[in-house]
Amino acid sequence: MSFEAITAINEAEASARQMKADALASAKAAEAAAVEDGRLAVEAARSKAAAEVRELRARSDEKAKQDAMALASDTENKKAAMRARADARMEKAAALIVERVVNG
């Protein structure tokens, strides 16, 4: 083989090694960027989920308070109705007891 051919082969091999090294470096940089992008995406998703959980908890707490107040109001209404019926029956019961005591 001629010296020029050997030199051309050596240059081609060196060029191929350089291209391979450049491609490897580029791939590693792309991988690092992808990993960082993934980490940031996960972090953003985690933050968003935490914010949504806080919002849902606040809503559920407010709903629970409203339901508790509605239940308490309903209970007070039932209690007042029962008390009114009891008061009405109390007069009848007292009159019945007095009648039995008097009549013996």
C-alpha atoms as a PDB file:
ATOM      1  CA  MET A   1       0.000   0.000   0.000  1.00  0.00           C
ATOM      2  CA  SER A   2       1.175   3.456  -0.666  1.00  0.00           C
ATOM      3  CA  PHE A   3       1.982   5.911   2.064  1.00  0.00           C
ATOM      4  CA  GLU A   4      -0.854   8.174   0.882  1.00  0.00           C
ATOM      5  CA  ALA A   5      -3.378   5.353   1.174  1.00  0.00           C
ATOM      6  CA  ILE A   6      -2.167   4.502   4.693  1.00  0.00           C
ATOM      7  CA  THR A   7      -2.338   8.162   5.665  1.00  0.00           C
ATOM      8  CA  ALA A   8      -5.860   8.446   4.209  1.00  0.00           C
ATOM      9  CA  ILE A   9      -6.965   5.328   6.132  1.00  0.00           C
ATOM     10  CA  ASN A  10      -5.437   6.671   9.353  1.00  0.00           C
ATOM     11  CA  GLU A  11      -7.170  10.014   8.829  1.00  0.00           C
ATOM     12  CA  ALA A  12     -10.471   8.258   8.108  1.00  0.00           C
ATOM     13  CA  GLU A  13     -10.082   6.124  11.243  1.00  0.00           C
ATOM     14  CA  ALA A  14      -9.209   9.208  13.324  1.00  0.00           C
ATOM     15  CA  SER A  15     -12.172  11.040  11.837  1.00  0.00           C
ATOM     16  CA  ALA A  16     -14.442   8.070  12.616  1.00  0.00           C
ATOM     17  CA  ARG A  17     -13.132   7.924  16.215  1.00  0.00           C
ATOM     18  CA  GLN A  18     -13.753  11.658  16.572  1.00  0.00           C
ATOM     19  CA  MET A  19     -17.249  11.334  15.128  1.00  0.00           C
ATOM     20  CA  LYS A  20     -17.946   8.434  17.491  1.00  0.00           C
ATOM     21  CA  ALA A  21     -16.659  10.438  20.472  1.00  0.00           C
ATOM     22  CA  ASP A  22     -18.720  13.471  19.418  1.00  0.00           C
ATOM     23  CA  ALA A  23     -21.820  11.324  18.997  1.00  0.00           C
ATOM     24  CA  LEU A  24     -21.270   9.714  22.406  1.00  0.00           C
ATOM     25  CA  ALA A  25     -20.814  13.118  24.048  1.00  0.00           C
ATOM     26  CA  SER A  26     -23.913  14.416  22.292  1.00  0.00           C
ATOM     27  CA  ALA A  27     -25.904  11.348  23.393  1.00  0.00           C
ATOM     28  CA  LYS A  28     -24.749  11.756  26.991  1.00  0.00           C
ATOM     29  CA  ALA A  29     -25.707  15.455  26.916  1.00  0.00           C
ATOM     30  CA  ALA A  30     -29.113  14.583  25.448  1.00  0.00           C
ATOM     31  CA  GLU A  31     -29.604  11.895  28.085  1.00  0.00           C
ATOM     32  CA  ALA A  32     -28.670  14.310  30.875  1.00  0.00           C
ATOM     33  CA  ALA A  33     -31.063  16.911  29.471  1.00  0.00           C
ATOM     34  CA  ALA A  34     -33.848  14.332  29.213  1.00  0.00           C
ATOM     35  CA  VAL A  35     -33.244  13.180  32.792  1.00  0.00           C
ATOM     36  CA  GLU A  36     -33.351  16.785  33.997  1.00  0.00           C
ATOM     37  CA  ASP A  37     -36.502  17.475  31.994  1.00  0.00           C
ATOM     38  CA  GLY A  38     -38.073  14.353  33.474  1.00  0.00           C
ATOM     39  CA  ARG A  39     -37.085  15.360  36.988  1.00  0.00           C
ATOM     40  CA  LEU A  40     -38.580  18.818  36.467  1.00  0.00           C
ATOM     41  CA  ALA A  41     -41.763  17.317  35.024  1.00  0.00           C
ATOM     42  CA  VAL A  42     -42.135  14.986  38.011  1.00  0.00           C
ATOM     43  CA  GLU A  43     -41.474  17.854  40.406  1.00  0.00           C
ATOM     44  CA  ALA A  44     -44.057  20.022  38.638  1.00  0.00           C
ATOM     45  CA  ALA A  45     -46.596  17.181  38.697  1.00  0.00           C
ATOM     46  CA  ARG A  46     -45.935  16.608  42.389  1.00  0.00           C
ATOM     47  CA  SER A  47     -46.421  20.321  43.136  1.00  0.00           C
ATOM     48  CA  LYS A  48     -49.605  20.428  41.091  1.00  0.00           C
ATOM     49  CA  ALA A  49     -50.952  17.332  42.838  1.00  0.00           C
ATOM     50  CA  ALA A  50     -50.149  18.815  46.247  1.00  0.00           C
ATOM     51  CA  ALA A  51     -51.967  22.033  45.323  1.00  0.00           C
ATOM     52  CA  GLU A  52     -54.976  20.059  44.095  1.00  0.00           C
ATOM     53  CA  VAL A  53     -55.027  18.015  47.303  1.00  0.00           C
ATOM     54  CA  ARG A  54     -54.943  21.207  49.393  1.00  0.00           C
ATOM     55  CA  GLU A  55     -57.795  22.645  47.342  1.00  0.00           C
ATOM     56  CA  LEU A  56     -59.857  19.462  47.606  1.00  0.00           C
ATOM     57  CA  ARG A  57     -59.278  19.305  51.358  1.00  0.00           C
ATOM     58  CA  ALA A  58     -60.380  22.915  51.732  1.00  0.00           C
ATOM     59  CA  ARG A  59     -63.505  22.207  49.683  1.00  0.00           C
ATOM     60  CA  SER A  60     -64.300  19.050  51.629  1.00  0.00           C
ATOM     61  CA  ASP A  61     -63.793  20.859  54.949  1.00  0.00           C
ATOM     62  CA  GLU A  62     -66.157  23.620  53.835  1.00  0.00           C
ATOM     63  CA  LYS A  63     -68.699  21.061  52.625  1.00  0.00           C
ATOM     64  CA  ALA A  64     -68.436  19.186  55.928  1.00  0.00           C
ATOM     65  CA  LYS A  65     -69.045  22.422  57.847  1.00  0.00           C
ATOM     66  CA  GLN A  66     -72.083  23.210  55.724  1.00  0.00           C
ATOM     67  CA  ASP A  67     -73.446  19.696  56.129  1.00  0.00           C
ATOM     68  CA  ALA A  68     -72.872  19.820  59.886  1.00  0.00           C
ATOM     69  CA  MET A  69     -74.681  23.152  60.129  1.00  0.00           C
ATOM     70  CA  ALA A  70     -77.576  21.815  58.047  1.00  0.00           C
ATOM     71  CA  LEU A  71     -77.766  18.722  60.231  1.00  0.00           C
ATOM     72  CA  ALA A  72     -77.669  20.815  63.403  1.00  0.00           C
ATOM     73  CA  SER A  73     -80.446  23.062  62.067  1.00  0.00           C
ATOM     74  CA  ASP A  74     -82.533  20.042  61.100  1.00  0.00           C
ATOM     75  CA  THR A  75     -81.966  18.522  64.524  1.00  0.00           C
ATOM     76  CA  GLU A  76     -82.991  21.764  66.245  1.00  0.00           C
ATOM     77  CA  ASN A  77     -86.168  21.848  64.155  1.00  0.00           C
ATOM     78  CA  LYS A  78     -86.998  18.252  65.068  1.00  0.00           C
ATOM     79  CA  LYS A  79     -86.216  18.957  68.713  1.00  0.00           C
ATOM     80  CA  ALA A  80     -88.538  21.990  68.732  1.00  0.00           C
ATOM     81  CA  ALA A  81     -91.324  19.980  67.097  1.00  0.00           C
ATOM     82  CA  MET A  82     -90.933  17.149  69.619  1.00  0.00           C
ATOM     83  CA  ARG A  83     -90.894  19.642  72.486  1.00  0.00           C
ATOM     84  CA  ALA A  84     -94.071  21.282  71.194  1.00  0.00           C
ATOM     85  CA  ARG A  85     -95.799  17.892  70.966  1.00  0.00           C
ATOM     86  CA  ALA A  86     -94.570  16.988  74.442  1.00  0.00           C
ATOM     87  CA  ASP A  87     -95.826  20.276  75.872  1.00  0.00           C
ATOM     88  CA  ALA A  88     -99.211  19.704  74.271  1.00  0.00           C
ATOM     89  CA  ARG A  89     -99.376  16.172  75.647  1.00  0.00           C
ATOM     90  CA  MET A  90     -98.166  17.335  79.062  1.00  0.00           C
ATOM     91  CA  GLU A  91    -101.333  19.363  79.612  1.00  0.00           C
ATOM     92  CA  LYS A  92    -103.489  16.375  78.628  1.00  0.00           C
ATOM     93  CA  ALA A  93    -101.444  14.066  80.867  1.00  0.00           C
ATOM     94  CA  ALA A  94    -101.683  16.454  83.814  1.00  0.00           C
ATOM     95  CA  ALA A  95    -105.435  16.781  83.333  1.00  0.00           C
ATOM     96  CA  LEU A  96    -105.767  12.964  83.165  1.00  0.00           C
ATOM     97  CA  ILE A  97    -103.700  12.531  86.349  1.00  0.00           C
ATOM     98  CA  VAL A  98    -105.755  15.166  88.203  1.00  0.00           C
ATOM     99  CA  GLU A  99    -108.979  13.509  87.047  1.00  0.00           C
ATOM    100  CA  ARG A 100    -107.826  10.075  88.273  1.00  0.00           C
ATOM    101  CA  VAL A 101    -106.639  11.463  91.603  1.00  0.00           C
ATOM    102  CA  VAL A 102    -109.889  13.391  92.126  1.00  0.00           C
ATOM    103  CA  ASN A 103    -112.127  10.564  91.003  1.00  0.00           C
ATOM    104  CA  GLY A 104    -110.068   8.084  92.884  1.00  0.00           C
END
